[in-house]
Amino acid sequence: MKRNIKVERLVQKPMESQETELVERKGIGHPDSVADGLAESISRALCQEYKKRFGAVLHHNTDKTQIVAGRSHPAFGGGEVICPIYILLTGRATRTFEGEEIPVDTIAIKAARQLLQESLTNLEVNTQTILDAKIGMGSSDLRDVFGRKIPSANDTSFGVGYGPLSETETVVYQTERELLKLKRNGMPAIGEDIKVMGMREGDIINLTIACAMVDKYVGDMKEYLQVKKDIVNHLQEFTSQFTARKVMPQVNVADCEDHGAVYITVTGTSAEMGDDGAVGRGNRTNGLITPNRPMSLEATSGKNPINHVGKIYNIMAMLISKQIADEVDGVREVYIRLLSQIGHPIDQPHLASIQTVLKDGANMDQVQAATYELVNDWFENIPKVQEMIFKGEISTY
């Protein structure tokens, strides 16, 4: 099948050779990431229920989840939540099919509770949150679209991906992951609400880390400052495996120790006091926010994995770019933009633009042929991508 796949050479300075770079990651406990996680977990739960009952995924989009911050009084040794976090689970879903009513709200609340328990281990879900499910009726005229092996695109939209990750991007991503491991292995004071901002200037990577400490595990200011110091010391050693550049971590730089104003929380997330969350305001599909790279503004979390190209194409662009960067000889960097056209089969992109930055001496003809074949193969196997999405094998944030 002939597809509109264009592979071209891109002449630009690779990211690692540029003087400055900015990279951000919002950790799994950040309110925006929690919103993404809730939306995606509800979508997966609905997919599995639809498949179990009817043998196919039915129309739904649960990508409008909102988090309204509560109020708390954190204190060394343990504070309290005064007003619970309000979470509105919303969107659209098929609620009746073939005469059978589907308990969409019940499924959504169950999935949300599980996600919250997994993502925020110090949050008492039953007493410190209010879960409100207001998921409306999905469009009934999409039955035919969802019944096709290759459905039609729901929109004219694009997905974006690039590869490989730079050293700074890898350091930022792995820093948040490592802090969660530290939490599980001897540093319970670390909360899951972690934001890492990486700034590279030449060969110096500065990490500004906001980490919501859990107050009941910190007895006083001295202990709090020691936890910060231990984190910095650990990260300086840990990050050396990803880069030879100098990495300079800083933790909770807004603290004012002299006035007792430090970043402690009851639950490990800033959503307990003053920080709201919404789907799509956090990480892109590769788990990062990268202003030096092309990005899509699409929120992938919670969108259905059958015909919503804002989700499918962004995930495919990420997967394809990683494989090209890993496997196609001569490619130093690759940038991908996949454009759909509403009403056309999603395996027939309006345009698949593949731009490659080549290594010295690379053969463009060979790169072009190998890249075209690889991209074409991904479009041949879109049902496999859809299956990976609703099984939770691919992270969307």
Protein backbone atom coordinates (compact mmCIF):
# COMPACT_ATOMS: atom_id res chain seq x y z
CA MET A 1 0.00 0.00 0.00
CA LYS A 2 1.46 3.35 -1.06
CA ARG A 3 1.52 5.94 1.70
CA ASN A 4 2.50 9.59 1.69
CA ILE A 5 5.75 9.18 3.60
CA LYS A 6 8.43 11.79 2.95
CA VAL A 7 11.97 11.25 4.22
CA GLU A 8 14.34 14.19 3.91
CA ARG A 9 17.68 15.36 5.21
CA LEU A 10 17.55 18.13 7.81
CA VAL A 11 20.57 20.40 8.05
CA GLN A 12 20.78 21.85 11.54
CA LYS A 13 23.04 21.78 14.58
CA PRO A 14 22.24 18.67 16.68
CA MET A 15 20.84 19.29 20.14
CA GLU A 16 23.98 18.07 21.92
CA SER A 17 26.03 20.66 20.00
CA GLN A 18 23.78 23.60 20.84
CA GLU A 19 24.88 25.93 23.62
CA THR A 20 21.68 25.92 25.69
CA GLU A 21 18.83 23.52 26.37
CA LEU A 22 15.75 23.47 28.61
CA VAL A 23 13.94 20.31 29.69
CA GLU A 24 11.18 19.74 32.26
CA ARG A 25 9.44 16.74 33.77
CA LYS A 26 6.43 16.83 36.05
CA GLY A 27 6.48 13.73 38.25
CA ILE A 28 3.59 11.31 38.74
CA GLY A 29 2.36 13.15 41.84
CA HIS A 30 2.22 16.60 40.25
CA PRO A 31 -1.47 17.64 39.93
CA ASP A 32 -1.25 17.87 36.13
CA SER A 33 0.30 14.39 35.94
CA VAL A 34 -2.30 13.03 38.33
CA ALA A 35 -5.01 14.40 36.04
CA ASP A 36 -3.32 12.74 33.05
CA GLY A 37 -3.02 9.49 34.96
CA LEU A 38 -6.67 9.52 36.00
CA ALA A 39 -7.87 10.20 32.46
CA GLU A 40 -5.73 7.44 30.97
CA SER A 41 -6.54 4.88 33.66
CA ILE A 42 -10.27 5.45 33.13
CA SER A 43 -9.87 5.07 29.37
CA ARG A 44 -7.99 1.79 29.83
CA ALA A 45 -10.59 0.49 32.27
CA LEU A 46 -13.39 1.32 29.83
CA CYS A 47 -11.51 -0.33 26.96
CA GLN A 48 -11.11 -3.53 28.96
CA GLU A 49 -14.76 -3.53 30.05
CA TYR A 50 -16.03 -2.88 26.54
CA LYS A 51 -13.84 -5.69 25.18
CA LYS A 52 -15.03 -8.06 27.88
CA ARG A 53 -18.72 -7.33 27.31
CA PHE A 54 -18.88 -6.78 23.56
CA GLY A 55 -15.57 -7.94 22.09
CA ALA A 56 -14.63 -4.46 20.89
CA VAL A 57 -13.68 -1.04 22.24
CA LEU A 58 -16.55 1.44 22.05
CA HIS A 59 -16.42 5.20 21.66
CA HIS A 60 -15.17 7.24 24.62
CA ASN A 61 -12.93 10.17 25.51
CA THR A 62 -12.18 10.81 29.18
CA ASP A 63 -9.60 13.54 28.68
CA LYS A 64 -11.27 16.42 30.53
CA THR A 65 -10.48 15.45 34.14
CA GLN A 66 -9.98 18.41 36.49
CA ILE A 67 -8.38 18.60 39.92
CA VAL A 68 -9.30 21.39 42.34
CA ALA A 69 -6.80 21.80 45.16
CA GLY A 70 -7.82 21.27 48.77
CA ARG A 71 -6.47 22.94 51.92
CA SER A 72 -4.00 21.58 54.43
CA HIS A 73 -1.94 22.44 57.50
CA PRO A 74 1.37 20.59 57.12
CA ALA A 75 3.70 20.47 60.12
CA PHE A 76 6.91 18.73 61.07
CA GLY A 77 6.01 15.32 62.48
CA GLY A 78 2.62 15.33 60.76
CA GLY A 79 -0.10 17.83 59.85
CA GLU A 80 -3.61 17.44 58.50
CA VAL A 81 -5.75 17.99 55.43
CA ILE A 82 -8.46 20.53 56.22
CA CYS A 83 -10.41 20.41 52.96
CA PRO A 84 -10.25 17.41 50.60
CA ILE A 85 -9.03 17.57 47.02
CA TYR A 86 -11.96 17.72 44.59
CA ILE A 87 -11.56 15.63 41.42
CA LEU A 88 -14.03 15.87 38.55
CA LEU A 89 -13.98 12.86 36.24
CA THR A 90 -15.57 13.95 33.01
CA GLY A 91 -15.67 13.36 29.28
CA ARG A 92 -17.83 11.16 27.06
CA ALA A 93 -18.37 7.41 26.88
CA THR A 94 -20.76 4.85 25.42
CA ARG A 95 -23.16 4.09 28.27
CA THR A 96 -25.58 1.72 26.54
CA PHE A 97 -24.92 -0.79 23.77
CA GLU A 98 -27.08 -3.53 22.27
CA GLY A 99 -29.67 -2.89 24.95
CA GLU A 100 -27.17 -3.28 27.80
CA GLU A 101 -26.36 -0.46 30.22
CA ILE A 102 -22.69 -0.05 31.10
CA PRO A 103 -21.73 1.20 34.60
CA VAL A 104 -19.40 3.87 33.25
CA ASP A 105 -19.29 6.02 36.38
CA THR A 106 -18.64 3.05 38.65
CA ILE A 107 -15.82 1.87 36.38
CA ALA A 108 -14.34 5.37 36.33
CA ILE A 109 -14.39 5.83 40.11
CA LYS A 110 -12.84 2.40 40.70
CA ALA A 111 -10.06 3.10 38.21
CA ALA A 112 -9.48 6.55 39.70
CA ARG A 113 -9.19 5.22 43.24
CA GLN A 114 -6.64 2.64 42.14
CA LEU A 115 -4.55 5.22 40.27
CA LEU A 116 -4.56 7.60 43.24
CA GLN A 117 -3.50 4.83 45.64
CA GLU A 118 -0.65 3.84 43.34
CA SER A 119 0.53 7.37 42.55
CA LEU A 120 0.15 9.05 45.95
CA THR A 121 1.00 6.58 48.69
CA ASN A 122 0.43 9.05 51.56
CA LEU A 123 -2.97 10.20 50.33
CA GLU A 124 -6.00 8.78 52.14
CA VAL A 125 -8.25 8.49 49.12
CA ASN A 126 -11.49 7.89 51.04
CA THR A 127 -11.19 10.93 53.32
CA GLN A 128 -8.83 13.36 51.60
CA THR A 129 -10.40 13.37 48.12
CA ILE A 130 -13.86 13.86 46.66
CA LEU A 131 -14.33 11.89 43.42
CA ASP A 132 -17.18 13.15 41.26
CA ALA A 133 -17.97 11.27 38.03
CA LYS A 134 -19.85 13.29 35.41
CA ILE A 135 -19.11 11.34 32.23
CA GLY A 136 -21.64 12.12 29.52
CA MET A 137 -23.08 9.98 26.75
CA GLY A 138 -20.82 9.21 23.81
CA SER A 139 -21.89 9.67 20.20
CA SER A 140 -24.02 6.75 19.01
CA ASP A 141 -23.25 7.37 15.34
CA LEU A 142 -19.67 6.15 15.80
CA ARG A 143 -20.65 2.48 16.02
CA ASP A 144 -19.74 1.88 12.37
CA VAL A 145 -16.44 3.78 12.66
CA PHE A 146 -15.37 1.81 15.72
CA GLY A 147 -16.39 -1.47 14.13
CA ARG A 148 -13.91 -1.17 11.26
CA LYS A 149 -10.52 -2.88 11.41
CA ILE A 150 -8.93 0.42 10.37
CA PRO A 151 -11.25 3.26 11.47
CA SER A 152 -11.40 6.75 10.04
CA ALA A 153 -9.52 9.61 11.67
CA ASN A 154 -11.69 11.62 14.03
CA ASP A 155 -9.92 14.88 13.18
CA THR A 156 -7.38 16.61 11.01
CA SER A 157 -4.55 16.68 13.50
CA PHE A 158 -0.88 15.88 13.87
CA GLY A 159 1.45 13.95 16.14
CA VAL A 160 5.08 14.78 16.84
CA GLY A 161 8.09 12.73 17.90
CA TYR A 162 11.87 12.92 17.91
CA GLY A 163 14.86 10.84 18.87
CA PRO A 164 17.14 10.10 20.47
CA LEU A 165 16.81 11.81 23.85
CA SER A 166 19.66 14.18 24.64
CA GLU A 167 21.80 13.71 27.72
CA THR A 168 19.94 16.54 29.46
CA GLU A 169 16.56 15.02 28.62
CA THR A 170 17.71 11.64 29.92
CA VAL A 171 19.08 13.16 33.13
CA VAL A 172 15.84 15.07 33.81
CA TYR A 173 13.62 12.03 33.16
CA GLN A 174 15.78 9.63 35.17
CA THR A 175 16.13 12.06 38.09
CA GLU A 176 12.40 11.93 38.82
CA ARG A 177 12.37 8.15 38.39
CA GLU A 178 15.33 7.78 40.78
CA LEU A 179 13.75 9.97 43.46
CA LEU A 180 10.74 7.66 43.51
CA LYS A 181 13.09 4.70 43.96
CA LEU A 182 14.76 6.51 46.84
CA LYS A 183 11.34 7.06 48.39
CA ARG A 184 10.66 3.32 48.32
CA ASN A 185 14.13 2.43 49.57
CA GLY A 186 14.91 4.40 52.67
CA MET A 187 13.77 8.01 52.08
CA PRO A 188 10.01 8.00 52.80
CA ALA A 189 10.05 11.79 53.26
CA ILE A 190 10.17 12.21 49.48
CA GLY A 191 6.70 12.89 48.08
CA GLU A 192 5.57 11.87 44.61
CA ASP A 193 4.98 15.47 43.54
CA ILE A 194 8.38 16.11 41.97
CA LYS A 195 9.14 18.63 39.25
CA VAL A 196 12.53 18.65 37.61
CA MET A 197 13.65 21.59 35.47
CA GLY A 198 16.88 21.02 33.59
CA MET A 199 18.92 23.87 32.16
CA ARG A 200 22.06 23.11 30.21
CA GLU A 201 24.57 25.83 29.45
CA GLY A 202 27.46 24.35 27.51
CA ASP A 203 28.65 21.41 29.57
CA ILE A 204 26.92 22.30 32.83
CA ILE A 205 23.46 20.86 33.58
CA ASN A 206 21.61 22.64 36.38
CA LEU A 207 18.67 20.74 37.89
CA THR A 208 16.10 22.76 39.82
CA ILE A 209 14.01 20.20 41.69
CA ALA A 210 10.77 20.89 43.51
CA CYS A 211 10.07 17.95 45.82
CA ALA A 212 7.02 17.89 48.09
CA MET A 213 8.33 16.40 51.33
CA VAL A 214 5.93 14.36 53.50
CA ASP A 215 5.75 16.03 56.89
CA LYS A 216 5.17 12.97 59.08
CA TYR A 217 8.57 11.58 58.05
CA VAL A 218 10.43 14.81 58.91
CA GLY A 219 10.73 15.61 62.61
CA ASP A 220 12.17 19.10 62.42
CA MET A 221 14.07 21.58 60.28
CA LYS A 222 17.38 19.81 60.82
CA GLU A 223 15.99 16.54 59.44
CA TYR A 224 14.42 18.36 56.52
CA LEU A 225 17.69 20.00 55.53
CA GLN A 226 19.49 16.69 55.85
CA VAL A 227 17.04 15.02 53.45
CA LYS A 228 17.68 17.79 50.93
CA LYS A 229 21.43 17.35 51.30
CA ASP A 230 21.17 13.56 50.92
CA ILE A 231 19.14 13.95 47.74
CA VAL A 232 21.68 16.31 46.19
CA ASN A 233 24.61 14.06 47.08
CA HIS A 234 22.88 10.99 45.69
CA LEU A 235 21.87 12.66 42.43
CA GLN A 236 25.35 13.99 41.76
CA GLU A 237 26.61 10.41 41.74
CA PHE A 238 23.54 8.88 40.08
CA THR A 239 23.44 11.21 37.08
CA SER A 240 27.07 10.57 36.18
CA GLN A 241 26.03 7.38 34.39
CA PHE A 242 24.11 9.40 31.80
CA THR A 243 26.56 12.20 31.04
CA ALA A 244 30.14 13.32 31.45
CA ARG A 245 28.90 16.88 31.86
CA LYS A 246 28.79 18.46 35.28
CA VAL A 247 25.36 18.07 36.90
CA MET A 248 24.37 20.53 39.64
CA PRO A 249 21.15 19.56 41.48
CA GLN A 250 19.31 22.00 43.73
CA VAL A 251 16.27 21.03 45.80
CA ASN A 252 13.40 23.29 46.91
CA VAL A 253 15.24 26.53 46.20
CA ALA A 254 12.26 28.64 47.33
CA ASP A 255 12.69 27.48 50.94
CA CYS A 256 13.23 30.16 53.57
CA GLU A 257 14.61 28.18 56.52
CA ASP A 258 15.02 31.24 58.76
CA HIS A 259 11.26 31.81 58.66
CA GLY A 260 10.30 28.12 58.75
CA ALA A 261 8.84 28.34 55.24
CA VAL A 262 9.78 25.06 53.57
CA TYR A 263 8.14 22.66 51.12
CA ILE A 264 6.44 20.10 53.37
CA THR A 265 3.07 18.50 52.67
CA VAL A 266 0.74 16.05 54.38
CA THR A 267 0.11 13.88 51.33
CA GLY A 268 3.15 14.33 49.09
CA THR A 269 1.34 16.43 46.49
CA SER A 270 0.78 20.16 46.14
CA ALA A 271 -2.82 19.40 45.16
CA GLU A 272 -3.61 19.33 48.87
CA MET A 273 -3.06 23.09 49.05
CA GLY A 274 -3.40 25.56 46.22
CA ASP A 275 -2.21 23.69 43.10
CA ASP A 276 -4.91 22.58 40.66
CA GLY A 277 -4.43 20.09 37.83
CA ALA A 278 -5.76 19.49 34.33
CA VAL A 279 -5.22 16.95 31.57
CA GLY A 280 -2.74 18.02 28.90
CA ARG A 281 -0.89 20.67 30.90
CA GLY A 282 2.01 18.42 31.80
CA ASN A 283 4.41 16.09 30.04
CA ARG A 284 4.19 15.16 26.39
CA THR A 285 3.97 11.52 25.34
CA ASN A 286 7.65 10.84 26.00
CA GLY A 287 7.30 12.02 29.59
CA LEU A 288 9.02 15.36 29.07
CA ILE A 289 8.34 19.01 28.25
CA THR A 290 10.94 20.10 25.70
CA PRO A 291 10.80 23.69 24.39
CA ASN A 292 13.94 23.10 22.30
CA ARG A 293 12.15 20.38 20.33
CA PRO A 294 8.95 20.30 18.26
CA MET A 295 5.93 19.47 20.41
CA SER A 296 2.21 18.91 19.96
CA LEU A 297 -0.31 20.63 22.23
CA GLU A 298 -2.60 17.58 22.06
CA ALA A 299 -3.46 15.91 25.36
CA THR A 300 -3.00 12.21 24.68
CA SER A 301 -4.20 10.90 28.06
CA GLY A 302 -7.82 9.75 28.15
CA LYS A 303 -8.47 9.94 24.43
CA ASN A 304 -9.73 6.73 22.86
CA PRO A 305 -7.07 4.54 21.22
CA ILE A 306 -9.21 3.56 18.24
CA ASN A 307 -9.65 6.61 16.02
CA HIS A 308 -8.41 9.63 18.00
CA VAL A 309 -5.35 10.61 15.99
CA GLY A 310 -4.36 13.23 18.57
CA LYS A 311 -3.47 10.23 20.71
CA ILE A 312 -2.48 7.54 18.21
CA TYR A 313 -0.25 9.69 16.01
CA ASN A 314 1.62 11.27 18.93
CA ILE A 315 2.33 7.85 20.40
CA MET A 316 3.30 6.42 17.02
CA ALA A 317 5.60 9.37 16.32
CA MET A 318 7.38 8.73 19.62
CA LEU A 319 7.74 4.98 18.98
CA ILE A 320 8.85 5.41 15.37
CA SER A 321 11.42 8.08 16.17
CA LYS A 322 12.97 5.94 18.89
CA GLN A 323 13.28 2.96 16.55
CA ILE A 324 14.76 5.03 13.73
CA ALA A 325 17.31 6.60 16.10
CA ASP A 326 18.22 3.18 17.50
CA GLU A 327 18.27 1.09 14.31
CA VAL A 328 18.81 3.14 11.15
CA ASP A 329 22.53 3.50 10.43
CA GLY A 330 23.74 7.04 9.86
CA VAL A 331 20.92 8.85 11.69
CA ARG A 332 22.07 11.23 14.42
CA GLU A 333 18.66 12.80 15.10
CA VAL A 334 15.20 12.31 13.67
CA TYR A 335 12.12 14.53 13.81
CA ILE A 336 8.69 13.18 12.89
CA ARG A 337 5.35 14.85 12.16
CA LEU A 338 2.36 12.67 11.31
CA LEU A 339 -0.69 14.46 9.90
CA SER A 340 -4.14 12.90 9.55
CA GLN A 341 -7.12 14.00 7.49
CA ILE A 342 -10.55 13.71 9.04
CA GLY A 343 -12.63 10.87 7.62
CA HIS A 344 -9.67 9.08 6.01
CA PRO A 345 -8.36 5.74 7.35
CA ILE A 346 -5.86 6.31 10.13
CA ASP A 347 -3.35 4.02 8.41
CA GLN A 348 -3.30 6.48 5.50
CA PRO A 349 -1.64 9.64 6.82
CA HIS A 350 -2.23 12.85 4.94
CA LEU A 351 1.53 13.28 5.42
CA ALA A 352 4.23 11.44 7.34
CA SER A 353 7.18 13.85 7.43
CA ILE A 354 10.47 12.30 8.55
CA GLN A 355 13.40 14.69 8.87
CA THR A 356 16.82 13.22 9.60
CA VAL A 357 20.02 14.83 10.84
CA LEU A 358 22.78 12.58 9.52
CA LYS A 359 26.13 11.55 10.90
CA ASP A 360 29.23 12.40 8.89
CA GLY A 361 29.60 10.07 5.92
CA ALA A 362 26.05 8.68 6.09
CA ASN A 363 24.38 7.54 2.87
CA MET A 364 21.09 9.43 2.47
CA ASP A 365 19.67 6.94 -0.06
CA GLN A 366 20.17 4.07 2.38
CA VAL A 367 18.75 6.10 5.26
CA GLN A 368 15.74 7.06 3.16
CA ALA A 369 14.98 3.48 2.11
CA ALA A 370 15.37 2.02 5.61
CA THR A 371 13.35 4.80 7.21
CA TYR A 372 10.50 4.55 4.69
CA GLU A 373 10.22 0.80 5.24
CA LEU A 374 10.18 1.18 9.01
CA VAL A 375 7.54 3.94 9.01
CA ASN A 376 5.39 2.05 6.54
CA ASP A 377 5.52 -1.05 8.74
CA TRP A 378 4.24 0.91 11.75
CA PHE A 379 1.22 2.10 9.74
CA GLU A 380 0.60 -1.49 8.64
CA ASN A 381 0.41 -2.49 12.31
CA ILE A 382 -1.77 0.21 13.85
CA PRO A 383 -4.03 -2.39 15.55
CA LYS A 384 -0.96 -3.55 17.48
CA VAL A 385 -0.33 0.02 18.67
CA GLN A 386 -3.97 0.35 19.75
CA GLU A 387 -3.72 -2.88 21.72
CA MET A 388 -0.55 -1.68 23.46
CA ILE A 389 -2.29 1.55 24.46
CA PHE A 390 -5.37 0.14 26.13
CA LYS A 391 -3.38 -2.60 27.84
CA GLY A 392 -1.31 0.14 29.50
CA GLU A 393 1.95 -0.95 27.87
CA ILE A 394 2.65 2.63 26.75
CA SER A 395 2.82 5.61 29.07
CA THR A 396 1.14 8.78 27.85
CA TYR A 397 2.73 11.15 30.39
